[in-house]
Each structure stands twice: as C-alpha cells, then as structure tokens.
C-alpha atoms as a PDB file:
ATOM      1  CA  MET A   1       5.886 -25.717 -37.730  1.00  0.00           C
ATOM      2  CA  LYS A   2       3.046 -24.197 -39.769  1.00  0.00           C
ATOM      3  CA  ILE A   3       0.828 -24.032 -36.675  1.00  0.00           C
ATOM      4  CA  LYS A   4       3.503 -22.103 -34.791  1.00  0.00           C
ATOM      5  CA  TYR A   5       3.782 -19.535 -37.601  1.00  0.00           C
ATOM      6  CA  LEU A   6      -0.007 -19.312 -37.879  1.00  0.00           C
ATOM      7  CA  LEU A   7      -0.323 -18.538 -34.160  1.00  0.00           C
ATOM      8  CA  VAL A   8       2.424 -15.919 -34.386  1.00  0.00           C
ATOM      9  CA  SER A   9       0.687 -14.399 -37.430  1.00  0.00           C
ATOM     10  CA  ILE A  10      -2.639 -14.251 -35.567  1.00  0.00           C
ATOM     11  CA  VAL A  11      -1.017 -12.575 -32.547  1.00  0.00           C
ATOM     12  CA  LEU A  12       0.763 -10.042 -34.775  1.00  0.00           C
ATOM     13  CA  LEU A  13      -2.471  -9.353 -36.679  1.00  0.00           C
ATOM     14  CA  MET A  14      -4.348  -8.821 -33.399  1.00  0.00           C
ATOM     15  CA  ALA A  15      -1.608  -6.533 -32.059  1.00  0.00           C
ATOM     16  CA  SER A  16      -1.650  -4.391 -35.190  1.00  0.00           C
ATOM     17  CA  THR A  17      -5.460  -4.290 -35.193  1.00  0.00           C
ATOM     18  CA  TYR A  18      -5.723  -3.113 -31.576  1.00  0.00           C
ATOM     19  CA  ALA A  19      -2.577  -1.016 -31.263  1.00  0.00           C
ATOM     20  CA  LYS A  20      -4.196   2.234 -32.458  1.00  0.00           C
ATOM     21  CA  GLU A  21      -2.847   5.052 -30.329  1.00  0.00           C
ATOM     22  CA  PHE A  22      -5.023   7.925 -29.143  1.00  0.00           C
ATOM     23  CA  ALA A  23      -4.496  10.761 -26.686  1.00  0.00           C
ATOM     24  CA  ILE A  24      -6.259  10.717 -23.347  1.00  0.00           C
ATOM     25  CA  SER A  25      -4.514  13.812 -22.057  1.00  0.00           C
ATOM     26  CA  THR A  26      -2.168  16.260 -23.694  1.00  0.00           C
ATOM     27  CA  GLY A  27      -0.638  19.294 -22.166  1.00  0.00           C
ATOM     28  CA  ALA A  28       2.443  21.404 -21.871  1.00  0.00           C
ATOM     29  CA  SER A  29       3.262  19.853 -18.490  1.00  0.00           C
ATOM     30  CA  HIS A  30       3.590  16.337 -17.156  1.00  0.00           C
ATOM     31  CA  GLN A  31       0.711  13.878 -17.606  1.00  0.00           C
ATOM     32  CA  LYS A  32       1.731  10.682 -15.790  1.00  0.00           C
ATOM     33  CA  HIS A  33       0.979   7.614 -13.670  1.00  0.00           C
ATOM     34  CA  PRO A  34      -2.097   6.265 -15.516  1.00  0.00           C
ATOM     35  CA  GLU A  35      -4.183   3.449 -14.012  1.00  0.00           C
ATOM     36  CA  ILE A  36      -7.128   1.768 -15.767  1.00  0.00           C
ATOM     37  CA  VAL A  37     -10.322  -0.043 -14.747  1.00  0.00           C
ATOM     38  CA  PHE A  38     -13.275  -1.274 -16.835  1.00  0.00           C
ATOM     39  CA  ASP A  39     -16.856  -1.065 -15.516  1.00  0.00           C
ATOM     40  CA  GLY A  40     -18.427  -3.390 -18.084  1.00  0.00           C
ATOM     41  CA  ALA A  41     -19.250  -0.585 -20.521  1.00  0.00           C
ATOM     42  CA  MET A  42     -16.495   2.047 -20.361  1.00  0.00           C
ATOM     43  CA  TYR A  43     -12.873   2.339 -19.285  1.00  0.00           C
ATOM     44  CA  ARG A  44     -11.845   4.816 -16.614  1.00  0.00           C
ATOM     45  CA  VAL A  45      -8.273   6.108 -16.732  1.00  0.00           C
ATOM     46  CA  VAL A  46      -6.972   8.041 -13.726  1.00  0.00           C
ATOM     47  CA  TYR A  47      -3.729   9.999 -13.964  1.00  0.00           C
ATOM     48  CA  ASP A  48      -1.944  12.934 -12.418  1.00  0.00           C
ATOM     49  CA  SER A  49      -1.324  16.171 -14.219  1.00  0.00           C
ATOM     50  CA  VAL A  50       0.841  18.820 -12.545  1.00  0.00           C
ATOM     51  CA  GLY A  51      -0.304  17.866  -9.043  1.00  0.00           C
ATOM     52  CA  ASP A  52      -3.987  17.319  -9.874  1.00  0.00           C
ATOM     53  CA  ILE A  53      -5.777  13.971 -10.219  1.00  0.00           C
ATOM     54  CA  TRP A  54      -7.968  13.457 -13.297  1.00  0.00           C
ATOM     55  CA  CYS A  55     -10.283  10.681 -14.476  1.00  0.00           C
ATOM     56  CA  ALA A  56     -11.100  10.139 -18.156  1.00  0.00           C
ATOM     57  CA  LYS A  57     -14.018   8.046 -19.378  1.00  0.00           C
ATOM     58  CA  VAL A  58     -12.943   6.135 -22.512  1.00  0.00           C
ATOM     59  CA  THR A  59     -15.173   4.129 -24.855  1.00  0.00           C
ATOM     60  CA  PRO A  60     -14.193   0.584 -25.921  1.00  0.00           C
ATOM     61  CA  GLU A  61     -13.518   2.064 -29.369  1.00  0.00           C
ATOM     62  CA  GLY A  62     -10.916   4.444 -27.942  1.00  0.00           C
ATOM     63  CA  ALA A  63     -12.750   7.782 -27.802  1.00  0.00           C
ATOM     64  CA  VAL A  64     -12.442   9.993 -24.726  1.00  0.00           C
ATOM     65  CA  ALA A  65     -16.063  10.587 -23.711  1.00  0.00           C
ATOM     66  CA  SER A  66     -15.389  12.938 -20.793  1.00  0.00           C
ATOM     67  CA  LYS A  67     -12.846  14.025 -18.182  1.00  0.00           C
ATOM     68  CA  VAL A  68     -13.279  14.965 -14.538  1.00  0.00           C
ATOM     69  CA  ARG A  69     -10.742  16.754 -12.338  1.00  0.00           C
ATOM     70  CA  LEU A  70     -10.853  15.016  -8.961  1.00  0.00           C
ATOM     71  CA  THR A  71      -8.428  17.306  -7.122  1.00  0.00           C
ATOM     72  CA  SER A  72      -7.062  20.770  -7.685  1.00  0.00           C
ATOM     73  CA  GLY A  73      -5.202  23.259  -5.618  1.00  0.00           C
ATOM     74  CA  ALA A  74      -1.908  23.754  -3.889  1.00  0.00           C
ATOM     75  CA  ASP A  75      -1.575  20.178  -2.578  1.00  0.00           C
ATOM     76  CA  PRO A  76       0.689  17.973  -4.738  1.00  0.00           C
ATOM     77  CA  ASP A  77      -1.461  14.938  -5.600  1.00  0.00           C
ATOM     78  CA  SER A  78       0.118  12.064  -7.541  1.00  0.00           C
ATOM     79  CA  THR A  79       0.181   8.324  -8.340  1.00  0.00           C
ATOM     80  CA  PRO A  80      -3.559   7.558  -8.491  1.00  0.00           C
ATOM     81  CA  SER A  81      -5.114   4.091  -8.612  1.00  0.00           C
ATOM     82  CA  ILE A  82      -8.734   3.094  -9.257  1.00  0.00           C
ATOM     83  CA  ALA A  83     -11.062   0.166  -8.509  1.00  0.00           C
ATOM     84  CA  PHE A  84     -14.716  -0.498  -9.399  1.00  0.00           C
ATOM     85  CA  ASP A  85     -17.103  -2.307  -7.028  1.00  0.00           C
ATOM     86  CA  GLY A  86     -19.942  -2.790  -9.532  1.00  0.00           C
ATOM     87  CA  THR A  87     -21.591   0.509  -8.584  1.00  0.00           C
ATOM     88  CA  ASN A  88     -18.970   3.158  -7.809  1.00  0.00           C
ATOM     89  CA  PHE A  89     -15.273   3.833  -8.304  1.00  0.00           C
ATOM     90  CA  PHE A  90     -12.850   4.102  -5.387  1.00  0.00           C
ATOM     91  CA  ILE A  91      -9.851   6.236  -6.342  1.00  0.00           C
ATOM     92  CA  VAL A  92      -6.765   6.572  -4.139  1.00  0.00           C
ATOM     93  CA  TRP A  93      -3.660   8.751  -4.548  1.00  0.00           C
ATOM     94  CA  THR A  94      -0.643  10.151  -2.715  1.00  0.00           C
ATOM     95  CA  ARG A  95      -0.797  13.614  -1.159  1.00  0.00           C
ATOM     96  CA  TYR A  96       2.488  14.562   0.486  1.00  0.00           C
ATOM     97  CA  SER A  97       3.205  11.300   2.346  1.00  0.00           C
ATOM     98  CA  SER A  98      -0.353  10.101   2.972  1.00  0.00           C
ATOM     99  CA  THR A  99      -2.931   8.185   0.951  1.00  0.00           C
ATOM    100  CA  PHE A 100      -6.131  10.041   0.126  1.00  0.00           C
ATOM    101  CA  GLY A 101      -9.236   8.714  -1.582  1.00  0.00           C
ATOM    102  CA  ALA A 102     -12.592   9.609  -3.095  1.00  0.00           C
ATOM    103  CA  ILE A 103     -15.695   7.756  -4.233  1.00  0.00           C
ATOM    104  CA  MET A 104     -16.977   8.621  -7.716  1.00  0.00           C
ATOM    105  CA  ASN A 105     -20.238   7.401  -9.267  1.00  0.00           C
ATOM    106  CA  GLN A 106     -20.576   6.224 -12.870  1.00  0.00           C
ATOM    107  CA  ASN A 107     -21.677   9.721 -13.944  1.00  0.00           C
ATOM    108  CA  GLY A 108     -18.308  11.123 -12.836  1.00  0.00           C
ATOM    109  CA  GLN A 109     -19.607  12.884  -9.716  1.00  0.00           C
ATOM    110  CA  ILE A 110     -17.605  12.718  -6.475  1.00  0.00           C
ATOM    111  CA  ILE A 111     -20.051  11.363  -3.896  1.00  0.00           C
ATOM    112  CA  SER A 112     -17.548  11.198  -1.019  1.00  0.00           C
ATOM    113  CA  GLY A 113     -14.141  12.710  -0.423  1.00  0.00           C
ATOM    114  CA  PRO A 114     -11.424  13.534  -0.711  1.00  0.00           C
ATOM    115  CA  PHE A 115     -10.645  11.863   2.621  1.00  0.00           C
ATOM    116  CA  MET A 116      -7.512  10.396   4.211  1.00  0.00           C
ATOM    117  CA  VAL A 117      -7.244   6.624   3.811  1.00  0.00           C
ATOM    118  CA  GLN A 118      -3.797   5.917   5.298  1.00  0.00           C
ATOM    119  CA  MET A 119      -1.628   8.094   7.504  1.00  0.00           C
ATOM    120  CA  ASN A 120       1.825   9.598   7.016  1.00  0.00           C
ATOM    121  CA  GLY A 121       4.580   7.604   5.402  1.00  0.00           C
ATOM    122  CA  TYR A 122       2.532   5.913   2.668  1.00  0.00           C
ATOM    123  CA  PHE A 123       3.381   6.415  -1.018  1.00  0.00           C
ATOM    124  CA  HIS A 124       2.184   5.100  -4.393  1.00  0.00           C
ATOM    125  CA  PRO A 125      -1.049   3.378  -3.343  1.00  0.00           C
ATOM    126  CA  VAL A 126      -2.749   0.759  -5.498  1.00  0.00           C
ATOM    127  CA  ILE A 127      -6.290  -0.533  -5.087  1.00  0.00           C
ATOM    128  CA  THR A 128      -8.323  -3.467  -6.359  1.00  0.00           C
ATOM    129  CA  TYR A 129     -11.760  -4.930  -5.650  1.00  0.00           C
ATOM    130  CA  ALA A 130     -12.908  -8.549  -5.376  1.00  0.00           C
ATOM    131  CA  ASN A 131     -15.285 -10.585  -3.213  1.00  0.00           C
ATOM    132  CA  ASN A 132     -16.997  -7.496  -1.733  1.00  0.00           C
ATOM    133  CA  ARG A 133     -13.693  -6.116  -0.442  1.00  0.00           C
ATOM    134  CA  PHE A 134     -11.179  -3.509  -1.473  1.00  0.00           C
ATOM    135  CA  LEU A 135      -7.476  -4.186  -1.024  1.00  0.00           C
ATOM    136  CA  ILE A 136      -5.242  -1.116  -0.791  1.00  0.00           C
ATOM    137  CA  ALA A 137      -1.475  -1.529  -0.725  1.00  0.00           C
ATOM    138  CA  ALA A 138       1.168   1.180  -0.521  1.00  0.00           C
ATOM    139  CA  SER A 139       4.863   1.653   0.031  1.00  0.00           C
ATOM    140  CA  TYR A 140       5.691   2.611   3.592  1.00  0.00           C
ATOM    141  CA  LEU A 141       8.895   4.512   4.250  1.00  0.00           C
ATOM    142  CA  ILE A 142      10.661   4.299   7.605  1.00  0.00           C
ATOM    143  CA  LEU A 143      13.527   6.683   8.252  1.00  0.00           C
ATOM    144  CA  THR A 144      15.355   5.128  11.212  1.00  0.00           C
ATOM    145  CA  ASN A 145      19.024   4.224  11.013  1.00  0.00           C
ATOM    146  CA  GLY A 146      18.974   4.741   7.268  1.00  0.00           C
ATOM    147  CA  THR A 147      16.207   4.358   4.768  1.00  0.00           C
ATOM    148  CA  GLN A 148      13.987   1.297   4.998  1.00  0.00           C
ATOM    149  CA  GLY A 149      10.794   0.524   3.245  1.00  0.00           C
ATOM    150  CA  ARG A 150       8.060  -2.067   3.186  1.00  0.00           C
ATOM    151  CA  ILE A 151       4.694  -2.688   1.589  1.00  0.00           C
ATOM    152  CA  ILE A 152       1.662  -2.195   3.837  1.00  0.00           C
ATOM    153  CA  ALA A 153      -1.883  -3.265   2.913  1.00  0.00           C
ATOM    154  CA  ALA A 154      -5.393  -2.846   4.286  1.00  0.00           C
ATOM    155  CA  ILE A 155      -8.593  -4.690   3.436  1.00  0.00           C
ATOM    156  CA  LEU A 156     -11.784  -2.628   3.430  1.00  0.00           C
ATOM    157  CA  THR A 157     -15.297  -4.062   3.290  1.00  0.00           C
ATOM    158  CA  GLY A 158     -17.653  -1.645   1.618  1.00  0.00           C
ATOM    159  CA  ILE A 159     -16.162   1.797   1.486  1.00  0.00           C
ATOM    160  CA  PHE A 160     -15.666   2.828   5.089  1.00  0.00           C
ATOM    161  CA  THR A 161     -15.356  -0.277   7.303  1.00  0.00           C
ATOM    162  CA  GLU A 162     -11.809  -1.463   7.881  1.00  0.00           C
ATOM    163  CA  ILE A 163     -11.206  -5.062   8.941  1.00  0.00           C
ATOM    164  CA  SER A 164      -8.841  -5.191  11.913  1.00  0.00           C
END
C-alpha cells in the first residue's frame, strides 16, 4: 500500500513540477490546432491563426525562441501538422479542401513550398516520420448519396518521391 501511494506522490510531484503554463501565441483572434515535434534540441509548435500557419521554436525550458509565419494571404489555411526527418521539418495543412505542405530548415527558413501534397477532398492532415519515410494521413470526404468519409494515407520516401 505504501508503494502505491509513493508512486502516486511521485507522479503528482512530477506533474506539478512540469505543468508550468506559458503562452506560445496570444492574440485577439483564434489561435488553434497546435501540433508539436522535437528535433533533439528544440520543440517546434505549428498552429493556425486566423487562416495563417505559424511555427514557434520553443526551448526545453519553455521559452519561445522565435516564430515564423509559414503562410499568409487570402487563402484559409488551417489544421497544420509537422514531422522532423533529422534535418528538416515537413509541415502539412489544409487549404480549402486540399492538403498543402512546405519544407522548413532548422533555422526556420522555408526551403520548398508551399506546394500541393494531396488533391481536393482531403481535410485535417497529420504527418509523421520513421524509417526514412513520411506517412501522411487525412480525412477524405465523399459527397455521393449522402455524406461519407474515410481516412486516406500516403507514404513518401524523402520529400518528393511517392511510393505507388
């Protein structure tokens, strides 16, 4: 019984030690849909803010080191996701009903994109990286005889070569 309470006490102590809140983005309008990846030194947090996609670099201590606006303009960009391949970040998001993406280096510079990744009908993409491949999955909406939906995925080797 004492061991059980000790473990609970340790977990509660850890939660209170690491549960310090800090702002990554504040604004008068909506800041939403955050996704996080760690590159071994810093966190990257992508989110959408009033139709624009942003990426914040956050230290392990919880300080926002910098922010980069990845998209801006009249197109409504939302629901970003981010993956790290050991060198660069691959960020995907929804624009209208398509998935767009961009490649960003560790300095926060866009080195490729924005470019279309998946065609019309795809929403809320997510991306991950493992074993030298990216996996992108998204909701796919079909409007025939009512509303239907399914999850579609694609595996990419490197950045631009799709496996068929």
